[in-house]
Amino acid sequence: MILFDGVWFSYTPGRHVLQDISVEISPGEVVALMGENGAGKTTLVKHINGLLKPSQGTVFIDGVDTRTTSTAALARKVGFVFQNADHQLFADTLEGEVAFALRNLGFPNDEIDERVTRYLEKFDLTRYKERSPFLLSGGERKRLALASVLCVEPEVLILDEPTQAQDAIQKLKLAQLIDSFRGSGSIVFLVTHDVEFAVQVVDRLLLISQGRLLADGSPRQILGNHDLLRRARLLPPQITQLAHKLADRLPSFPRDIITLKEAVTATSRLLAKR
């Protein structure tokens, strides 16, 4: 479980980046954190693995207070994939990159070999396994960063803009992987602007604006509320925007559509009546 209890944070005195954040995330939940640039999203998730400590309030991970726990100890529970993969890649080869955390955490050699092979394959990187990470494309480096963190199979997984530079096939594979983590009881925390991807994979959406928690609810509750989205400077999914335009002309067409499947169903029902 993750618990934020009255969390405030400032990089410089008197300038609050987070203001009175209180929220609880349960095992098995997939949560998206959304908001405009500079809202405090990355600052908030850096409190989960102890990279930042609250100026006021507390953060608990499975009952452990992050203020009194080292980042190294939290790393056994919390995996963090940065928005910029270059900030966390350093090894000479892809194999070495994925193996590093496993070795550091004391996994046996045979399990290290098995996980390195499995996760390079999951992210279509096997053919590059002996290559330097810095010879990969931007999208491939992003996938390598994902593999190097996910291979540990942490209890809490933080993904900062995970779909950036990924094509549709890689997004589908990432969605499937997130679903498997959900099934294992892990918490998955996404920081993302990709509303279409969030709709597909998350159970819950937290909306943050100017360091404050603006809303906490299901994707339908949040992304269907245009007033909330305007306040957070976000746009609804494209399919929701289309539904609103259709409803302006066809009053019986539902406005709360957030997925393509829902749009197809609503269109089929409308055509069946004609």
C-alpha atoms as a PDB file:
ATOM      1  CA  MET A   1       0.000   0.000   0.000  1.00  0.00           C
ATOM      2  CA  ILE A   2       1.089   3.593  -0.697  1.00  0.00           C
ATOM      3  CA  LEU A   3      -0.124   6.315   1.651  1.00  0.00           C
ATOM      4  CA  PHE A   4       0.450  10.063   1.235  1.00  0.00           C
ATOM      5  CA  ASP A   5      -0.691  11.835   4.387  1.00  0.00           C
ATOM      6  CA  GLY A   6      -0.775  15.643   4.231  1.00  0.00           C
ATOM      7  CA  VAL A   7       2.344  15.892   2.079  1.00  0.00           C
ATOM      8  CA  TRP A   8       3.890  19.281   1.296  1.00  0.00           C
ATOM      9  CA  PHE A   9       7.172  19.741  -0.532  1.00  0.00           C
ATOM     10  CA  SER A  10       9.377  22.700  -1.491  1.00  0.00           C
ATOM     11  CA  TYR A  11      12.658  22.768  -3.395  1.00  0.00           C
ATOM     12  CA  THR A  12      13.208  26.287  -2.072  1.00  0.00           C
ATOM     13  CA  PRO A  13      11.697  27.777   1.104  1.00  0.00           C
ATOM     14  CA  GLY A  14       8.288  29.375   0.635  1.00  0.00           C
ATOM     15  CA  ARG A  15       7.640  27.937  -2.851  1.00  0.00           C
ATOM     16  CA  HIS A  16       5.458  24.853  -2.476  1.00  0.00           C
ATOM     17  CA  VAL A  17       5.606  22.346  -5.344  1.00  0.00           C
ATOM     18  CA  LEU A  18       3.241  19.946  -3.527  1.00  0.00           C
ATOM     19  CA  GLN A  19       0.481  21.181  -1.255  1.00  0.00           C
ATOM     20  CA  ASP A  20      -1.362  18.994   1.259  1.00  0.00           C
ATOM     21  CA  ILE A  21      -1.484  15.785  -0.821  1.00  0.00           C
ATOM     22  CA  SER A  22      -3.379  12.928   0.842  1.00  0.00           C
ATOM     23  CA  VAL A  23      -4.118   9.764  -1.118  1.00  0.00           C
ATOM     24  CA  GLU A  24      -4.029   5.990  -0.586  1.00  0.00           C
ATOM     25  CA  ILE A  25      -3.195   3.410  -3.290  1.00  0.00           C
ATOM     26  CA  SER A  26      -4.014  -0.267  -2.668  1.00  0.00           C
ATOM     27  CA  PRO A  27      -2.194  -3.388  -3.949  1.00  0.00           C
ATOM     28  CA  GLY A  28      -3.265  -4.393  -7.458  1.00  0.00           C
ATOM     29  CA  GLU A  29      -4.284  -0.877  -8.518  1.00  0.00           C
ATOM     30  CA  VAL A  30      -3.052   0.705 -11.741  1.00  0.00           C
ATOM     31  CA  VAL A  31      -3.144   4.475 -11.273  1.00  0.00           C
ATOM     32  CA  ALA A  32      -2.401   7.325 -13.679  1.00  0.00           C
ATOM     33  CA  LEU A  33      -1.191  10.696 -12.434  1.00  0.00           C
ATOM     34  CA  MET A  34      -2.070  13.441 -14.896  1.00  0.00           C
ATOM     35  CA  GLY A  35      -1.803  17.209 -15.071  1.00  0.00           C
ATOM     36  CA  GLU A  36      -0.170  20.053 -16.959  1.00  0.00           C
ATOM     37  CA  ASN A  37       3.596  20.463 -17.228  1.00  0.00           C
ATOM     38  CA  GLY A  38       4.974  21.748 -13.943  1.00  0.00           C
ATOM     39  CA  ALA A  39       1.973  20.544 -11.927  1.00  0.00           C
ATOM     40  CA  GLY A  40       4.186  18.482  -9.591  1.00  0.00           C
ATOM     41  CA  LYS A  41       3.652  14.987 -11.035  1.00  0.00           C
ATOM     42  CA  THR A  42       7.268  13.812 -11.131  1.00  0.00           C
ATOM     43  CA  THR A  43       7.971  15.488  -7.795  1.00  0.00           C
ATOM     44  CA  LEU A  44       5.096  13.521  -6.269  1.00  0.00           C
ATOM     45  CA  VAL A  45       6.209  10.094  -7.532  1.00  0.00           C
ATOM     46  CA  LYS A  46       9.824  10.712  -6.473  1.00  0.00           C
ATOM     47  CA  HIS A  47       8.494  10.603  -2.909  1.00  0.00           C
ATOM     48  CA  ILE A  48       7.460   6.978  -3.403  1.00  0.00           C
ATOM     49  CA  ASN A  49      11.006   5.648  -3.805  1.00  0.00           C
ATOM     50  CA  GLY A  50      12.540   8.122  -1.379  1.00  0.00           C
ATOM     51  CA  LEU A  51      14.411  10.252  -3.916  1.00  0.00           C
ATOM     52  CA  LEU A  52      12.587  13.148  -2.267  1.00  0.00           C
ATOM     53  CA  LYS A  53      11.365  13.438   1.335  1.00  0.00           C
ATOM     54  CA  PRO A  54       8.308  15.504   2.391  1.00  0.00           C
ATOM     55  CA  SER A  55       8.854  18.973   3.792  1.00  0.00           C
ATOM     56  CA  GLN A  56       5.710  18.296   5.838  1.00  0.00           C
ATOM     57  CA  GLY A  57       3.542  15.185   6.147  1.00  0.00           C
ATOM     58  CA  THR A  58       4.451  11.545   5.610  1.00  0.00           C
ATOM     59  CA  VAL A  59       4.667   8.930   2.881  1.00  0.00           C
ATOM     60  CA  PHE A  60       4.330   5.254   3.791  1.00  0.00           C
ATOM     61  CA  ILE A  61       5.180   2.260   1.586  1.00  0.00           C
ATOM     62  CA  ASP A  62       3.742  -0.918   3.113  1.00  0.00           C
ATOM     63  CA  GLY A  63       3.731   0.834   6.469  1.00  0.00           C
ATOM     64  CA  VAL A  64       7.354   2.002   6.153  1.00  0.00           C
ATOM     65  CA  ASP A  65       7.959   5.735   6.594  1.00  0.00           C
ATOM     66  CA  THR A  66      10.087   6.921   3.649  1.00  0.00           C
ATOM     67  CA  ARG A  67      11.592   9.717   5.775  1.00  0.00           C
ATOM     68  CA  THR A  68      13.410   7.156   7.931  1.00  0.00           C
ATOM     69  CA  THR A  69      14.225   4.639   5.183  1.00  0.00           C
ATOM     70  CA  SER A  70      17.083   4.755   2.689  1.00  0.00           C
ATOM     71  CA  THR A  71      16.513   4.933  -1.053  1.00  0.00           C
ATOM     72  CA  ALA A  72      18.499   1.687  -1.367  1.00  0.00           C
ATOM     73  CA  ALA A  73      16.096  -0.121   0.978  1.00  0.00           C
ATOM     74  CA  LEU A  74      13.070   1.241  -0.882  1.00  0.00           C
ATOM     75  CA  ALA A  75      14.597   0.109  -4.205  1.00  0.00           C
ATOM     76  CA  ARG A  76      13.836  -3.485  -3.207  1.00  0.00           C
ATOM     77  CA  LYS A  77      10.131  -2.619  -3.282  1.00  0.00           C
ATOM     78  CA  VAL A  78       9.870   0.278  -5.736  1.00  0.00           C
ATOM     79  CA  GLY A  79      10.976   0.310  -9.373  1.00  0.00           C
ATOM     80  CA  PHE A  80      11.197   3.677 -11.156  1.00  0.00           C
ATOM     81  CA  VAL A  81      11.516   4.153 -14.926  1.00  0.00           C
ATOM     82  CA  PHE A  82      12.498   7.764 -15.641  1.00  0.00           C
ATOM     83  CA  GLN A  83      10.966   9.819 -18.435  1.00  0.00           C
ATOM     84  CA  ASN A  84      14.411  10.235 -20.004  1.00  0.00           C
ATOM     85  CA  ALA A  85      16.013   6.794 -20.341  1.00  0.00           C
ATOM     86  CA  ASP A  86      19.488   8.342 -20.678  1.00  0.00           C
ATOM     87  CA  HIS A  87      19.277   9.378 -17.023  1.00  0.00           C
ATOM     88  CA  GLN A  88      19.401   5.757 -15.881  1.00  0.00           C
ATOM     89  CA  LEU A  89      21.358   3.812 -18.516  1.00  0.00           C
ATOM     90  CA  PHE A  90      25.094   3.341 -17.911  1.00  0.00           C
ATOM     91  CA  ALA A  91      26.256  -0.253 -18.656  1.00  0.00           C
ATOM     92  CA  ASP A  92      28.459  -1.329 -21.558  1.00  0.00           C
ATOM     93  CA  THR A  93      25.880  -3.754 -22.974  1.00  0.00           C
ATOM     94  CA  LEU A  94      22.137  -4.348 -22.866  1.00  0.00           C
ATOM     95  CA  GLU A  95      22.714  -7.638 -21.025  1.00  0.00           C
ATOM     96  CA  GLY A  96      24.748  -5.819 -18.405  1.00  0.00           C
ATOM     97  CA  GLU A  97      22.111  -3.125 -18.030  1.00  0.00           C
ATOM     98  CA  VAL A  98      19.290  -5.569 -17.305  1.00  0.00           C
ATOM     99  CA  ALA A  99      21.475  -7.757 -15.086  1.00  0.00           C
ATOM    100  CA  PHE A 100      22.779  -4.913 -12.912  1.00  0.00           C
ATOM    101  CA  ALA A 101      19.835  -4.487 -10.523  1.00  0.00           C
ATOM    102  CA  LEU A 102      19.370  -8.256 -10.255  1.00  0.00           C
ATOM    103  CA  ARG A 103      23.013  -8.734  -9.233  1.00  0.00           C
ATOM    104  CA  ASN A 104      22.878  -5.768  -6.879  1.00  0.00           C
ATOM    105  CA  LEU A 105      19.853  -7.270  -5.111  1.00  0.00           C
ATOM    106  CA  GLY A 106      21.492 -10.694  -4.770  1.00  0.00           C
ATOM    107  CA  PHE A 107      19.558 -12.795  -7.267  1.00  0.00           C
ATOM    108  CA  PRO A 108      21.229 -16.171  -8.058  1.00  0.00           C
ATOM    109  CA  ASN A 109      23.130 -16.349 -11.363  1.00  0.00           C
ATOM    110  CA  ASP A 110      20.786 -18.814 -13.065  1.00  0.00           C
ATOM    111  CA  GLU A 111      17.771 -16.620 -12.294  1.00  0.00           C
ATOM    112  CA  ILE A 112      19.647 -13.531 -13.498  1.00  0.00           C
ATOM    113  CA  ASP A 113      20.367 -15.245 -16.817  1.00  0.00           C
ATOM    114  CA  GLU A 114      16.740 -16.343 -17.186  1.00  0.00           C
ATOM    115  CA  ARG A 115      15.299 -12.906 -16.400  1.00  0.00           C
ATOM    116  CA  VAL A 116      17.755 -11.054 -18.636  1.00  0.00           C
ATOM    117  CA  THR A 117      16.807 -13.332 -21.541  1.00  0.00           C
ATOM    118  CA  ARG A 118      13.084 -13.061 -20.814  1.00  0.00           C
ATOM    119  CA  TYR A 119      12.918  -9.284 -20.467  1.00  0.00           C
ATOM    120  CA  LEU A 120      15.136  -8.511 -23.448  1.00  0.00           C
ATOM    121  CA  GLU A 121      12.797 -10.713 -25.461  1.00  0.00           C
ATOM    122  CA  LYS A 122       9.680  -9.032 -24.053  1.00  0.00           C
ATOM    123  CA  PHE A 123      10.912  -5.674 -25.334  1.00  0.00           C
ATOM    124  CA  ASP A 124      12.255  -6.905 -28.697  1.00  0.00           C
ATOM    125  CA  LEU A 125      15.862  -6.184 -27.728  1.00  0.00           C
ATOM    126  CA  THR A 126      17.458  -9.654 -27.840  1.00  0.00           C
ATOM    127  CA  ARG A 127      19.321  -9.029 -31.103  1.00  0.00           C
ATOM    128  CA  TYR A 128      21.082  -6.049 -29.526  1.00  0.00           C
ATOM    129  CA  LYS A 129      22.045  -7.779 -26.258  1.00  0.00           C
ATOM    130  CA  GLU A 130      25.825  -7.301 -26.722  1.00  0.00           C
ATOM    131  CA  ARG A 131      25.499  -3.767 -28.061  1.00  0.00           C
ATOM    132  CA  SER A 132      26.041  -0.530 -26.123  1.00  0.00           C
ATOM    133  CA  PRO A 133      22.757   0.991 -24.914  1.00  0.00           C
ATOM    134  CA  PHE A 134      23.869   4.330 -26.365  1.00  0.00           C
ATOM    135  CA  LEU A 135      23.839   2.936 -29.905  1.00  0.00           C
ATOM    136  CA  LEU A 136      20.089   2.313 -29.666  1.00  0.00           C
ATOM    137  CA  SER A 137      17.347   4.621 -30.910  1.00  0.00           C
ATOM    138  CA  GLY A 138      15.418   6.746 -28.421  1.00  0.00           C
ATOM    139  CA  GLY A 139      12.485   4.329 -28.382  1.00  0.00           C
ATOM    140  CA  GLU A 140      14.787   1.324 -27.923  1.00  0.00           C
ATOM    141  CA  ARG A 141      16.585   3.016 -25.015  1.00  0.00           C
ATOM    142  CA  LYS A 142      13.204   3.647 -23.415  1.00  0.00           C
ATOM    143  CA  ARG A 143      12.346  -0.048 -23.750  1.00  0.00           C
ATOM    144  CA  LEU A 144      15.715  -1.025 -22.281  1.00  0.00           C
ATOM    145  CA  ALA A 145      15.100   1.214 -19.260  1.00  0.00           C
ATOM    146  CA  LEU A 146      11.727  -0.496 -18.811  1.00  0.00           C
ATOM    147  CA  ALA A 147      13.320  -3.957 -19.059  1.00  0.00           C
ATOM    148  CA  SER A 148      16.066  -3.084 -16.553  1.00  0.00           C
ATOM    149  CA  VAL A 149      13.491  -2.068 -13.922  1.00  0.00           C
ATOM    150  CA  LEU A 150      10.683  -4.527 -14.628  1.00  0.00           C
ATOM    151  CA  CYS A 151      13.021  -7.536 -14.499  1.00  0.00           C
ATOM    152  CA  VAL A 152      13.182  -7.147 -10.701  1.00  0.00           C
ATOM    153  CA  GLU A 153       9.358  -7.435 -10.629  1.00  0.00           C
ATOM    154  CA  PRO A 154       8.935  -4.802  -7.907  1.00  0.00           C
ATOM    155  CA  GLU A 155       5.910  -4.474  -5.632  1.00  0.00           C
ATOM    156  CA  VAL A 156       5.473  -0.860  -6.796  1.00  0.00           C
ATOM    157  CA  LEU A 157       6.263   0.157 -10.363  1.00  0.00           C
ATOM    158  CA  ILE A 158       6.497   3.844 -11.331  1.00  0.00           C
ATOM    159  CA  LEU A 159       6.497   4.635 -15.051  1.00  0.00           C
ATOM    160  CA  ASP A 160       7.178   8.254 -16.023  1.00  0.00           C
ATOM    161  CA  GLU A 161       5.779   8.872 -19.546  1.00  0.00           C
ATOM    162  CA  PRO A 162       6.235   5.190 -20.549  1.00  0.00           C
ATOM    163  CA  THR A 163       4.630   5.500 -23.999  1.00  0.00           C
ATOM    164  CA  GLN A 164       6.912   8.296 -25.154  1.00  0.00           C
ATOM    165  CA  ALA A 165       8.600   7.334 -28.483  1.00  0.00           C
ATOM    166  CA  GLN A 166       6.771   3.975 -28.560  1.00  0.00           C
ATOM    167  CA  ASP A 167       4.749   2.739 -31.534  1.00  0.00           C
ATOM    168  CA  ALA A 168       1.320   1.086 -31.346  1.00  0.00           C
ATOM    169  CA  ILE A 169       2.712  -2.461 -31.078  1.00  0.00           C
ATOM    170  CA  GLN A 170       5.036  -1.538 -28.216  1.00  0.00           C
ATOM    171  CA  LYS A 171       2.191   0.265 -26.442  1.00  0.00           C
ATOM    172  CA  LEU A 172       0.081  -2.895 -26.708  1.00  0.00           C
ATOM    173  CA  LYS A 173       2.894  -4.998 -25.230  1.00  0.00           C
ATOM    174  CA  LEU A 174       3.341  -2.468 -22.426  1.00  0.00           C
ATOM    175  CA  ALA A 175      -0.399  -2.584 -21.690  1.00  0.00           C
ATOM    176  CA  GLN A 176      -0.236  -6.384 -21.464  1.00  0.00           C
ATOM    177  CA  LEU A 177       2.752  -6.206 -19.140  1.00  0.00           C
ATOM    178  CA  ILE A 178       0.998  -3.686 -16.884  1.00  0.00           C
ATOM    179  CA  ASP A 179      -2.013  -6.001 -16.757  1.00  0.00           C
ATOM    180  CA  SER A 180       0.218  -8.871 -15.619  1.00  0.00           C
ATOM    181  CA  PHE A 181       1.612  -6.693 -12.822  1.00  0.00           C
ATOM    182  CA  ARG A 182      -1.940  -5.837 -11.764  1.00  0.00           C
ATOM    183  CA  GLY A 183      -2.726  -9.554 -11.604  1.00  0.00           C
ATOM    184  CA  SER A 184       0.269 -10.177  -9.350  1.00  0.00           C
ATOM    185  CA  GLY A 185      -0.966  -7.616  -6.804  1.00  0.00           C
ATOM    186  CA  SER A 186       1.677  -5.003  -7.594  1.00  0.00           C
ATOM    187  CA  ILE A 187       0.879  -1.299  -7.717  1.00  0.00           C
ATOM    188  CA  VAL A 188       1.550   0.396 -11.063  1.00  0.00           C
ATOM    189  CA  PHE A 189       1.792   4.180 -11.031  1.00  0.00           C
ATOM    190  CA  LEU A 190       1.899   5.960 -14.410  1.00  0.00           C
ATOM    191  CA  VAL A 191       2.820   9.593 -14.957  1.00  0.00           C
ATOM    192  CA  THR A 192       1.449  10.315 -18.415  1.00  0.00           C
ATOM    193  CA  HIS A 193      -0.073  12.801 -20.839  1.00  0.00           C
ATOM    194  CA  ASP A 194      -1.257   9.922 -23.044  1.00  0.00           C
ATOM    195  CA  VAL A 195      -4.968   9.896 -22.220  1.00  0.00           C
ATOM    196  CA  GLU A 196      -5.764   7.243 -24.826  1.00  0.00           C
ATOM    197  CA  PHE A 197      -3.273   4.838 -23.243  1.00  0.00           C
ATOM    198  CA  ALA A 198      -4.423   5.685 -19.714  1.00  0.00           C
ATOM    199  CA  VAL A 199      -8.025   4.864 -20.597  1.00  0.00           C
ATOM    200  CA  GLN A 200      -6.936   1.414 -21.765  1.00  0.00           C
ATOM    201  CA  VAL A 201      -4.902   0.377 -18.738  1.00  0.00           C
ATOM    202  CA  VAL A 202      -5.704   2.274 -15.525  1.00  0.00           C
ATOM    203  CA  ASP A 203      -8.269   1.663 -12.806  1.00  0.00           C
ATOM    204  CA  ARG A 204      -7.974   5.096 -11.299  1.00  0.00           C
ATOM    205  CA  LEU A 205      -6.856   8.565 -12.279  1.00  0.00           C
ATOM    206  CA  LEU A 206      -5.385  11.279 -10.081  1.00  0.00           C
ATOM    207  CA  LEU A 207      -5.519  14.795 -11.470  1.00  0.00           C
ATOM    208  CA  ILE A 208      -3.001  17.293 -10.106  1.00  0.00           C
ATOM    209  CA  SER A 209      -2.794  21.019 -10.728  1.00  0.00           C
ATOM    210  CA  GLN A 210      -0.362  23.551  -9.251  1.00  0.00           C
ATOM    211  CA  GLY A 211       0.778  21.013  -6.675  1.00  0.00           C
ATOM    212  CA  ARG A 212      -2.697  20.170  -5.383  1.00  0.00           C
ATOM    213  CA  LEU A 213      -4.763  17.035  -5.900  1.00  0.00           C
ATOM    214  CA  LEU A 214      -7.626  18.294  -8.049  1.00  0.00           C
ATOM    215  CA  ALA A 215      -9.544  15.031  -8.521  1.00  0.00           C
ATOM    216  CA  ASP A 216      -9.378  11.305  -7.740  1.00  0.00           C
ATOM    217  CA  GLY A 217     -11.680   8.886  -9.559  1.00  0.00           C
ATOM    218  CA  SER A 218     -12.228   6.479 -12.410  1.00  0.00           C
ATOM    219  CA  PRO A 219     -11.049   7.427 -15.926  1.00  0.00           C
ATOM    220  CA  ARG A 220     -14.706   7.954 -16.919  1.00  0.00           C
ATOM    221  CA  GLN A 221     -15.374  10.287 -13.975  1.00  0.00           C
ATOM    222  CA  ILE A 222     -12.275  12.387 -14.669  1.00  0.00           C
ATOM    223  CA  LEU A 223     -11.929  12.366 -18.462  1.00  0.00           C
ATOM    224  CA  GLY A 224     -15.634  12.922 -18.964  1.00  0.00           C
ATOM    225  CA  ASN A 225     -15.572  16.071 -16.820  1.00  0.00           C
ATOM    226  CA  HIS A 226     -14.572  18.890 -19.173  1.00  0.00           C
ATOM    227  CA  ASP A 227     -14.484  21.485 -16.403  1.00  0.00           C
ATOM    228  CA  LEU A 228     -11.903  19.477 -14.462  1.00  0.00           C
ATOM    229  CA  LEU A 229      -9.836  18.898 -17.589  1.00  0.00           C
ATOM    230  CA  ARG A 230      -9.849  22.606 -18.439  1.00  0.00           C
ATOM    231  CA  ARG A 231      -8.635  23.434 -14.944  1.00  0.00           C
ATOM    232  CA  ALA A 232      -5.796  20.918 -15.365  1.00  0.00           C
ATOM    233  CA  ARG A 233      -5.093  22.084 -18.955  1.00  0.00           C
ATOM    234  CA  LEU A 234      -5.750  18.642 -20.406  1.00  0.00           C
ATOM    235  CA  LEU A 235      -7.782  17.463 -23.385  1.00  0.00           C
ATOM    236  CA  PRO A 236     -10.171  14.487 -23.217  1.00  0.00           C
ATOM    237  CA  PRO A 237      -9.461  11.415 -25.389  1.00  0.00           C
ATOM    238  CA  GLN A 238     -10.003  12.029 -29.093  1.00  0.00           C
ATOM    239  CA  ILE A 239     -12.882   9.542 -29.127  1.00  0.00           C
ATOM    240  CA  THR A 240     -14.604  11.555 -26.357  1.00  0.00           C
ATOM    241  CA  GLN A 241     -14.175  14.756 -28.349  1.00  0.00           C
ATOM    242  CA  LEU A 242     -15.731  13.022 -31.367  1.00  0.00           C
ATOM    243  CA  ALA A 243     -18.630  11.743 -29.249  1.00  0.00           C
ATOM    244  CA  HIS A 244     -19.410  15.283 -28.110  1.00  0.00           C
ATOM    245  CA  LYS A 245     -19.449  16.539 -31.696  1.00  0.00           C
ATOM    246  CA  LEU A 246     -21.774  13.705 -32.722  1.00  0.00           C
ATOM    247  CA  ALA A 247     -24.041  14.338 -29.727  1.00  0.00           C
ATOM    248  CA  ASP A 248     -24.382  17.991 -30.758  1.00  0.00           C
ATOM    249  CA  ARG A 249     -26.036  16.758 -33.954  1.00  0.00           C
ATOM    250  CA  LEU A 250     -27.566  13.536 -32.630  1.00  0.00           C
ATOM    251  CA  PRO A 251     -28.903  14.167 -29.088  1.00  0.00           C
ATOM    252  CA  SER A 252     -29.395  10.438 -28.420  1.00  0.00           C
ATOM    253  CA  PHE A 253     -25.680   9.736 -28.933  1.00  0.00           C
ATOM    254  CA  PRO A 254     -23.921   9.337 -25.523  1.00  0.00           C
ATOM    255  CA  ARG A 255     -21.400  11.990 -24.524  1.00  0.00           C
ATOM    256  CA  ASP A 256     -19.583   9.953 -21.854  1.00  0.00           C
ATOM    257  CA  ILE A 257     -17.769   7.652 -24.302  1.00  0.00           C
ATOM    258  CA  ILE A 258     -14.060   7.203 -23.536  1.00  0.00           C
ATOM    259  CA  THR A 259     -13.074   4.159 -25.633  1.00  0.00           C
ATOM    260  CA  LEU A 260     -13.322   3.143 -29.282  1.00  0.00           C
ATOM    261  CA  LYS A 261     -15.253   0.006 -28.304  1.00  0.00           C
ATOM    262  CA  GLU A 262     -17.928   2.141 -26.636  1.00  0.00           C
ATOM    263  CA  ALA A 263     -18.131   4.370 -29.706  1.00  0.00           C
ATOM    264  CA  VAL A 264     -18.620   1.359 -31.998  1.00  0.00           C
ATOM    265  CA  THR A 265     -21.353  -0.037 -29.724  1.00  0.00           C
ATOM    266  CA  ALA A 266     -23.175   3.307 -29.529  1.00  0.00           C
ATOM    267  CA  THR A 267     -22.962   3.800 -33.301  1.00  0.00           C
ATOM    268  CA  SER A 268     -24.273   0.269 -33.949  1.00  0.00           C
ATOM    269  CA  ARG A 269     -27.256   0.849 -31.656  1.00  0.00           C
ATOM    270  CA  LEU A 270     -28.014   4.154 -33.314  1.00  0.00           C
ATOM    271  CA  LEU A 271     -27.913   2.643 -36.796  1.00  0.00           C
ATOM    272  CA  ALA A 272     -30.090  -0.290 -35.712  1.00  0.00           C
ATOM    273  CA  LYS A 273     -32.878   2.141 -34.801  1.00  0.00           C
ATOM    274  CA  ARG A 274     -32.908   3.695 -38.259  1.00  0.00           C
END
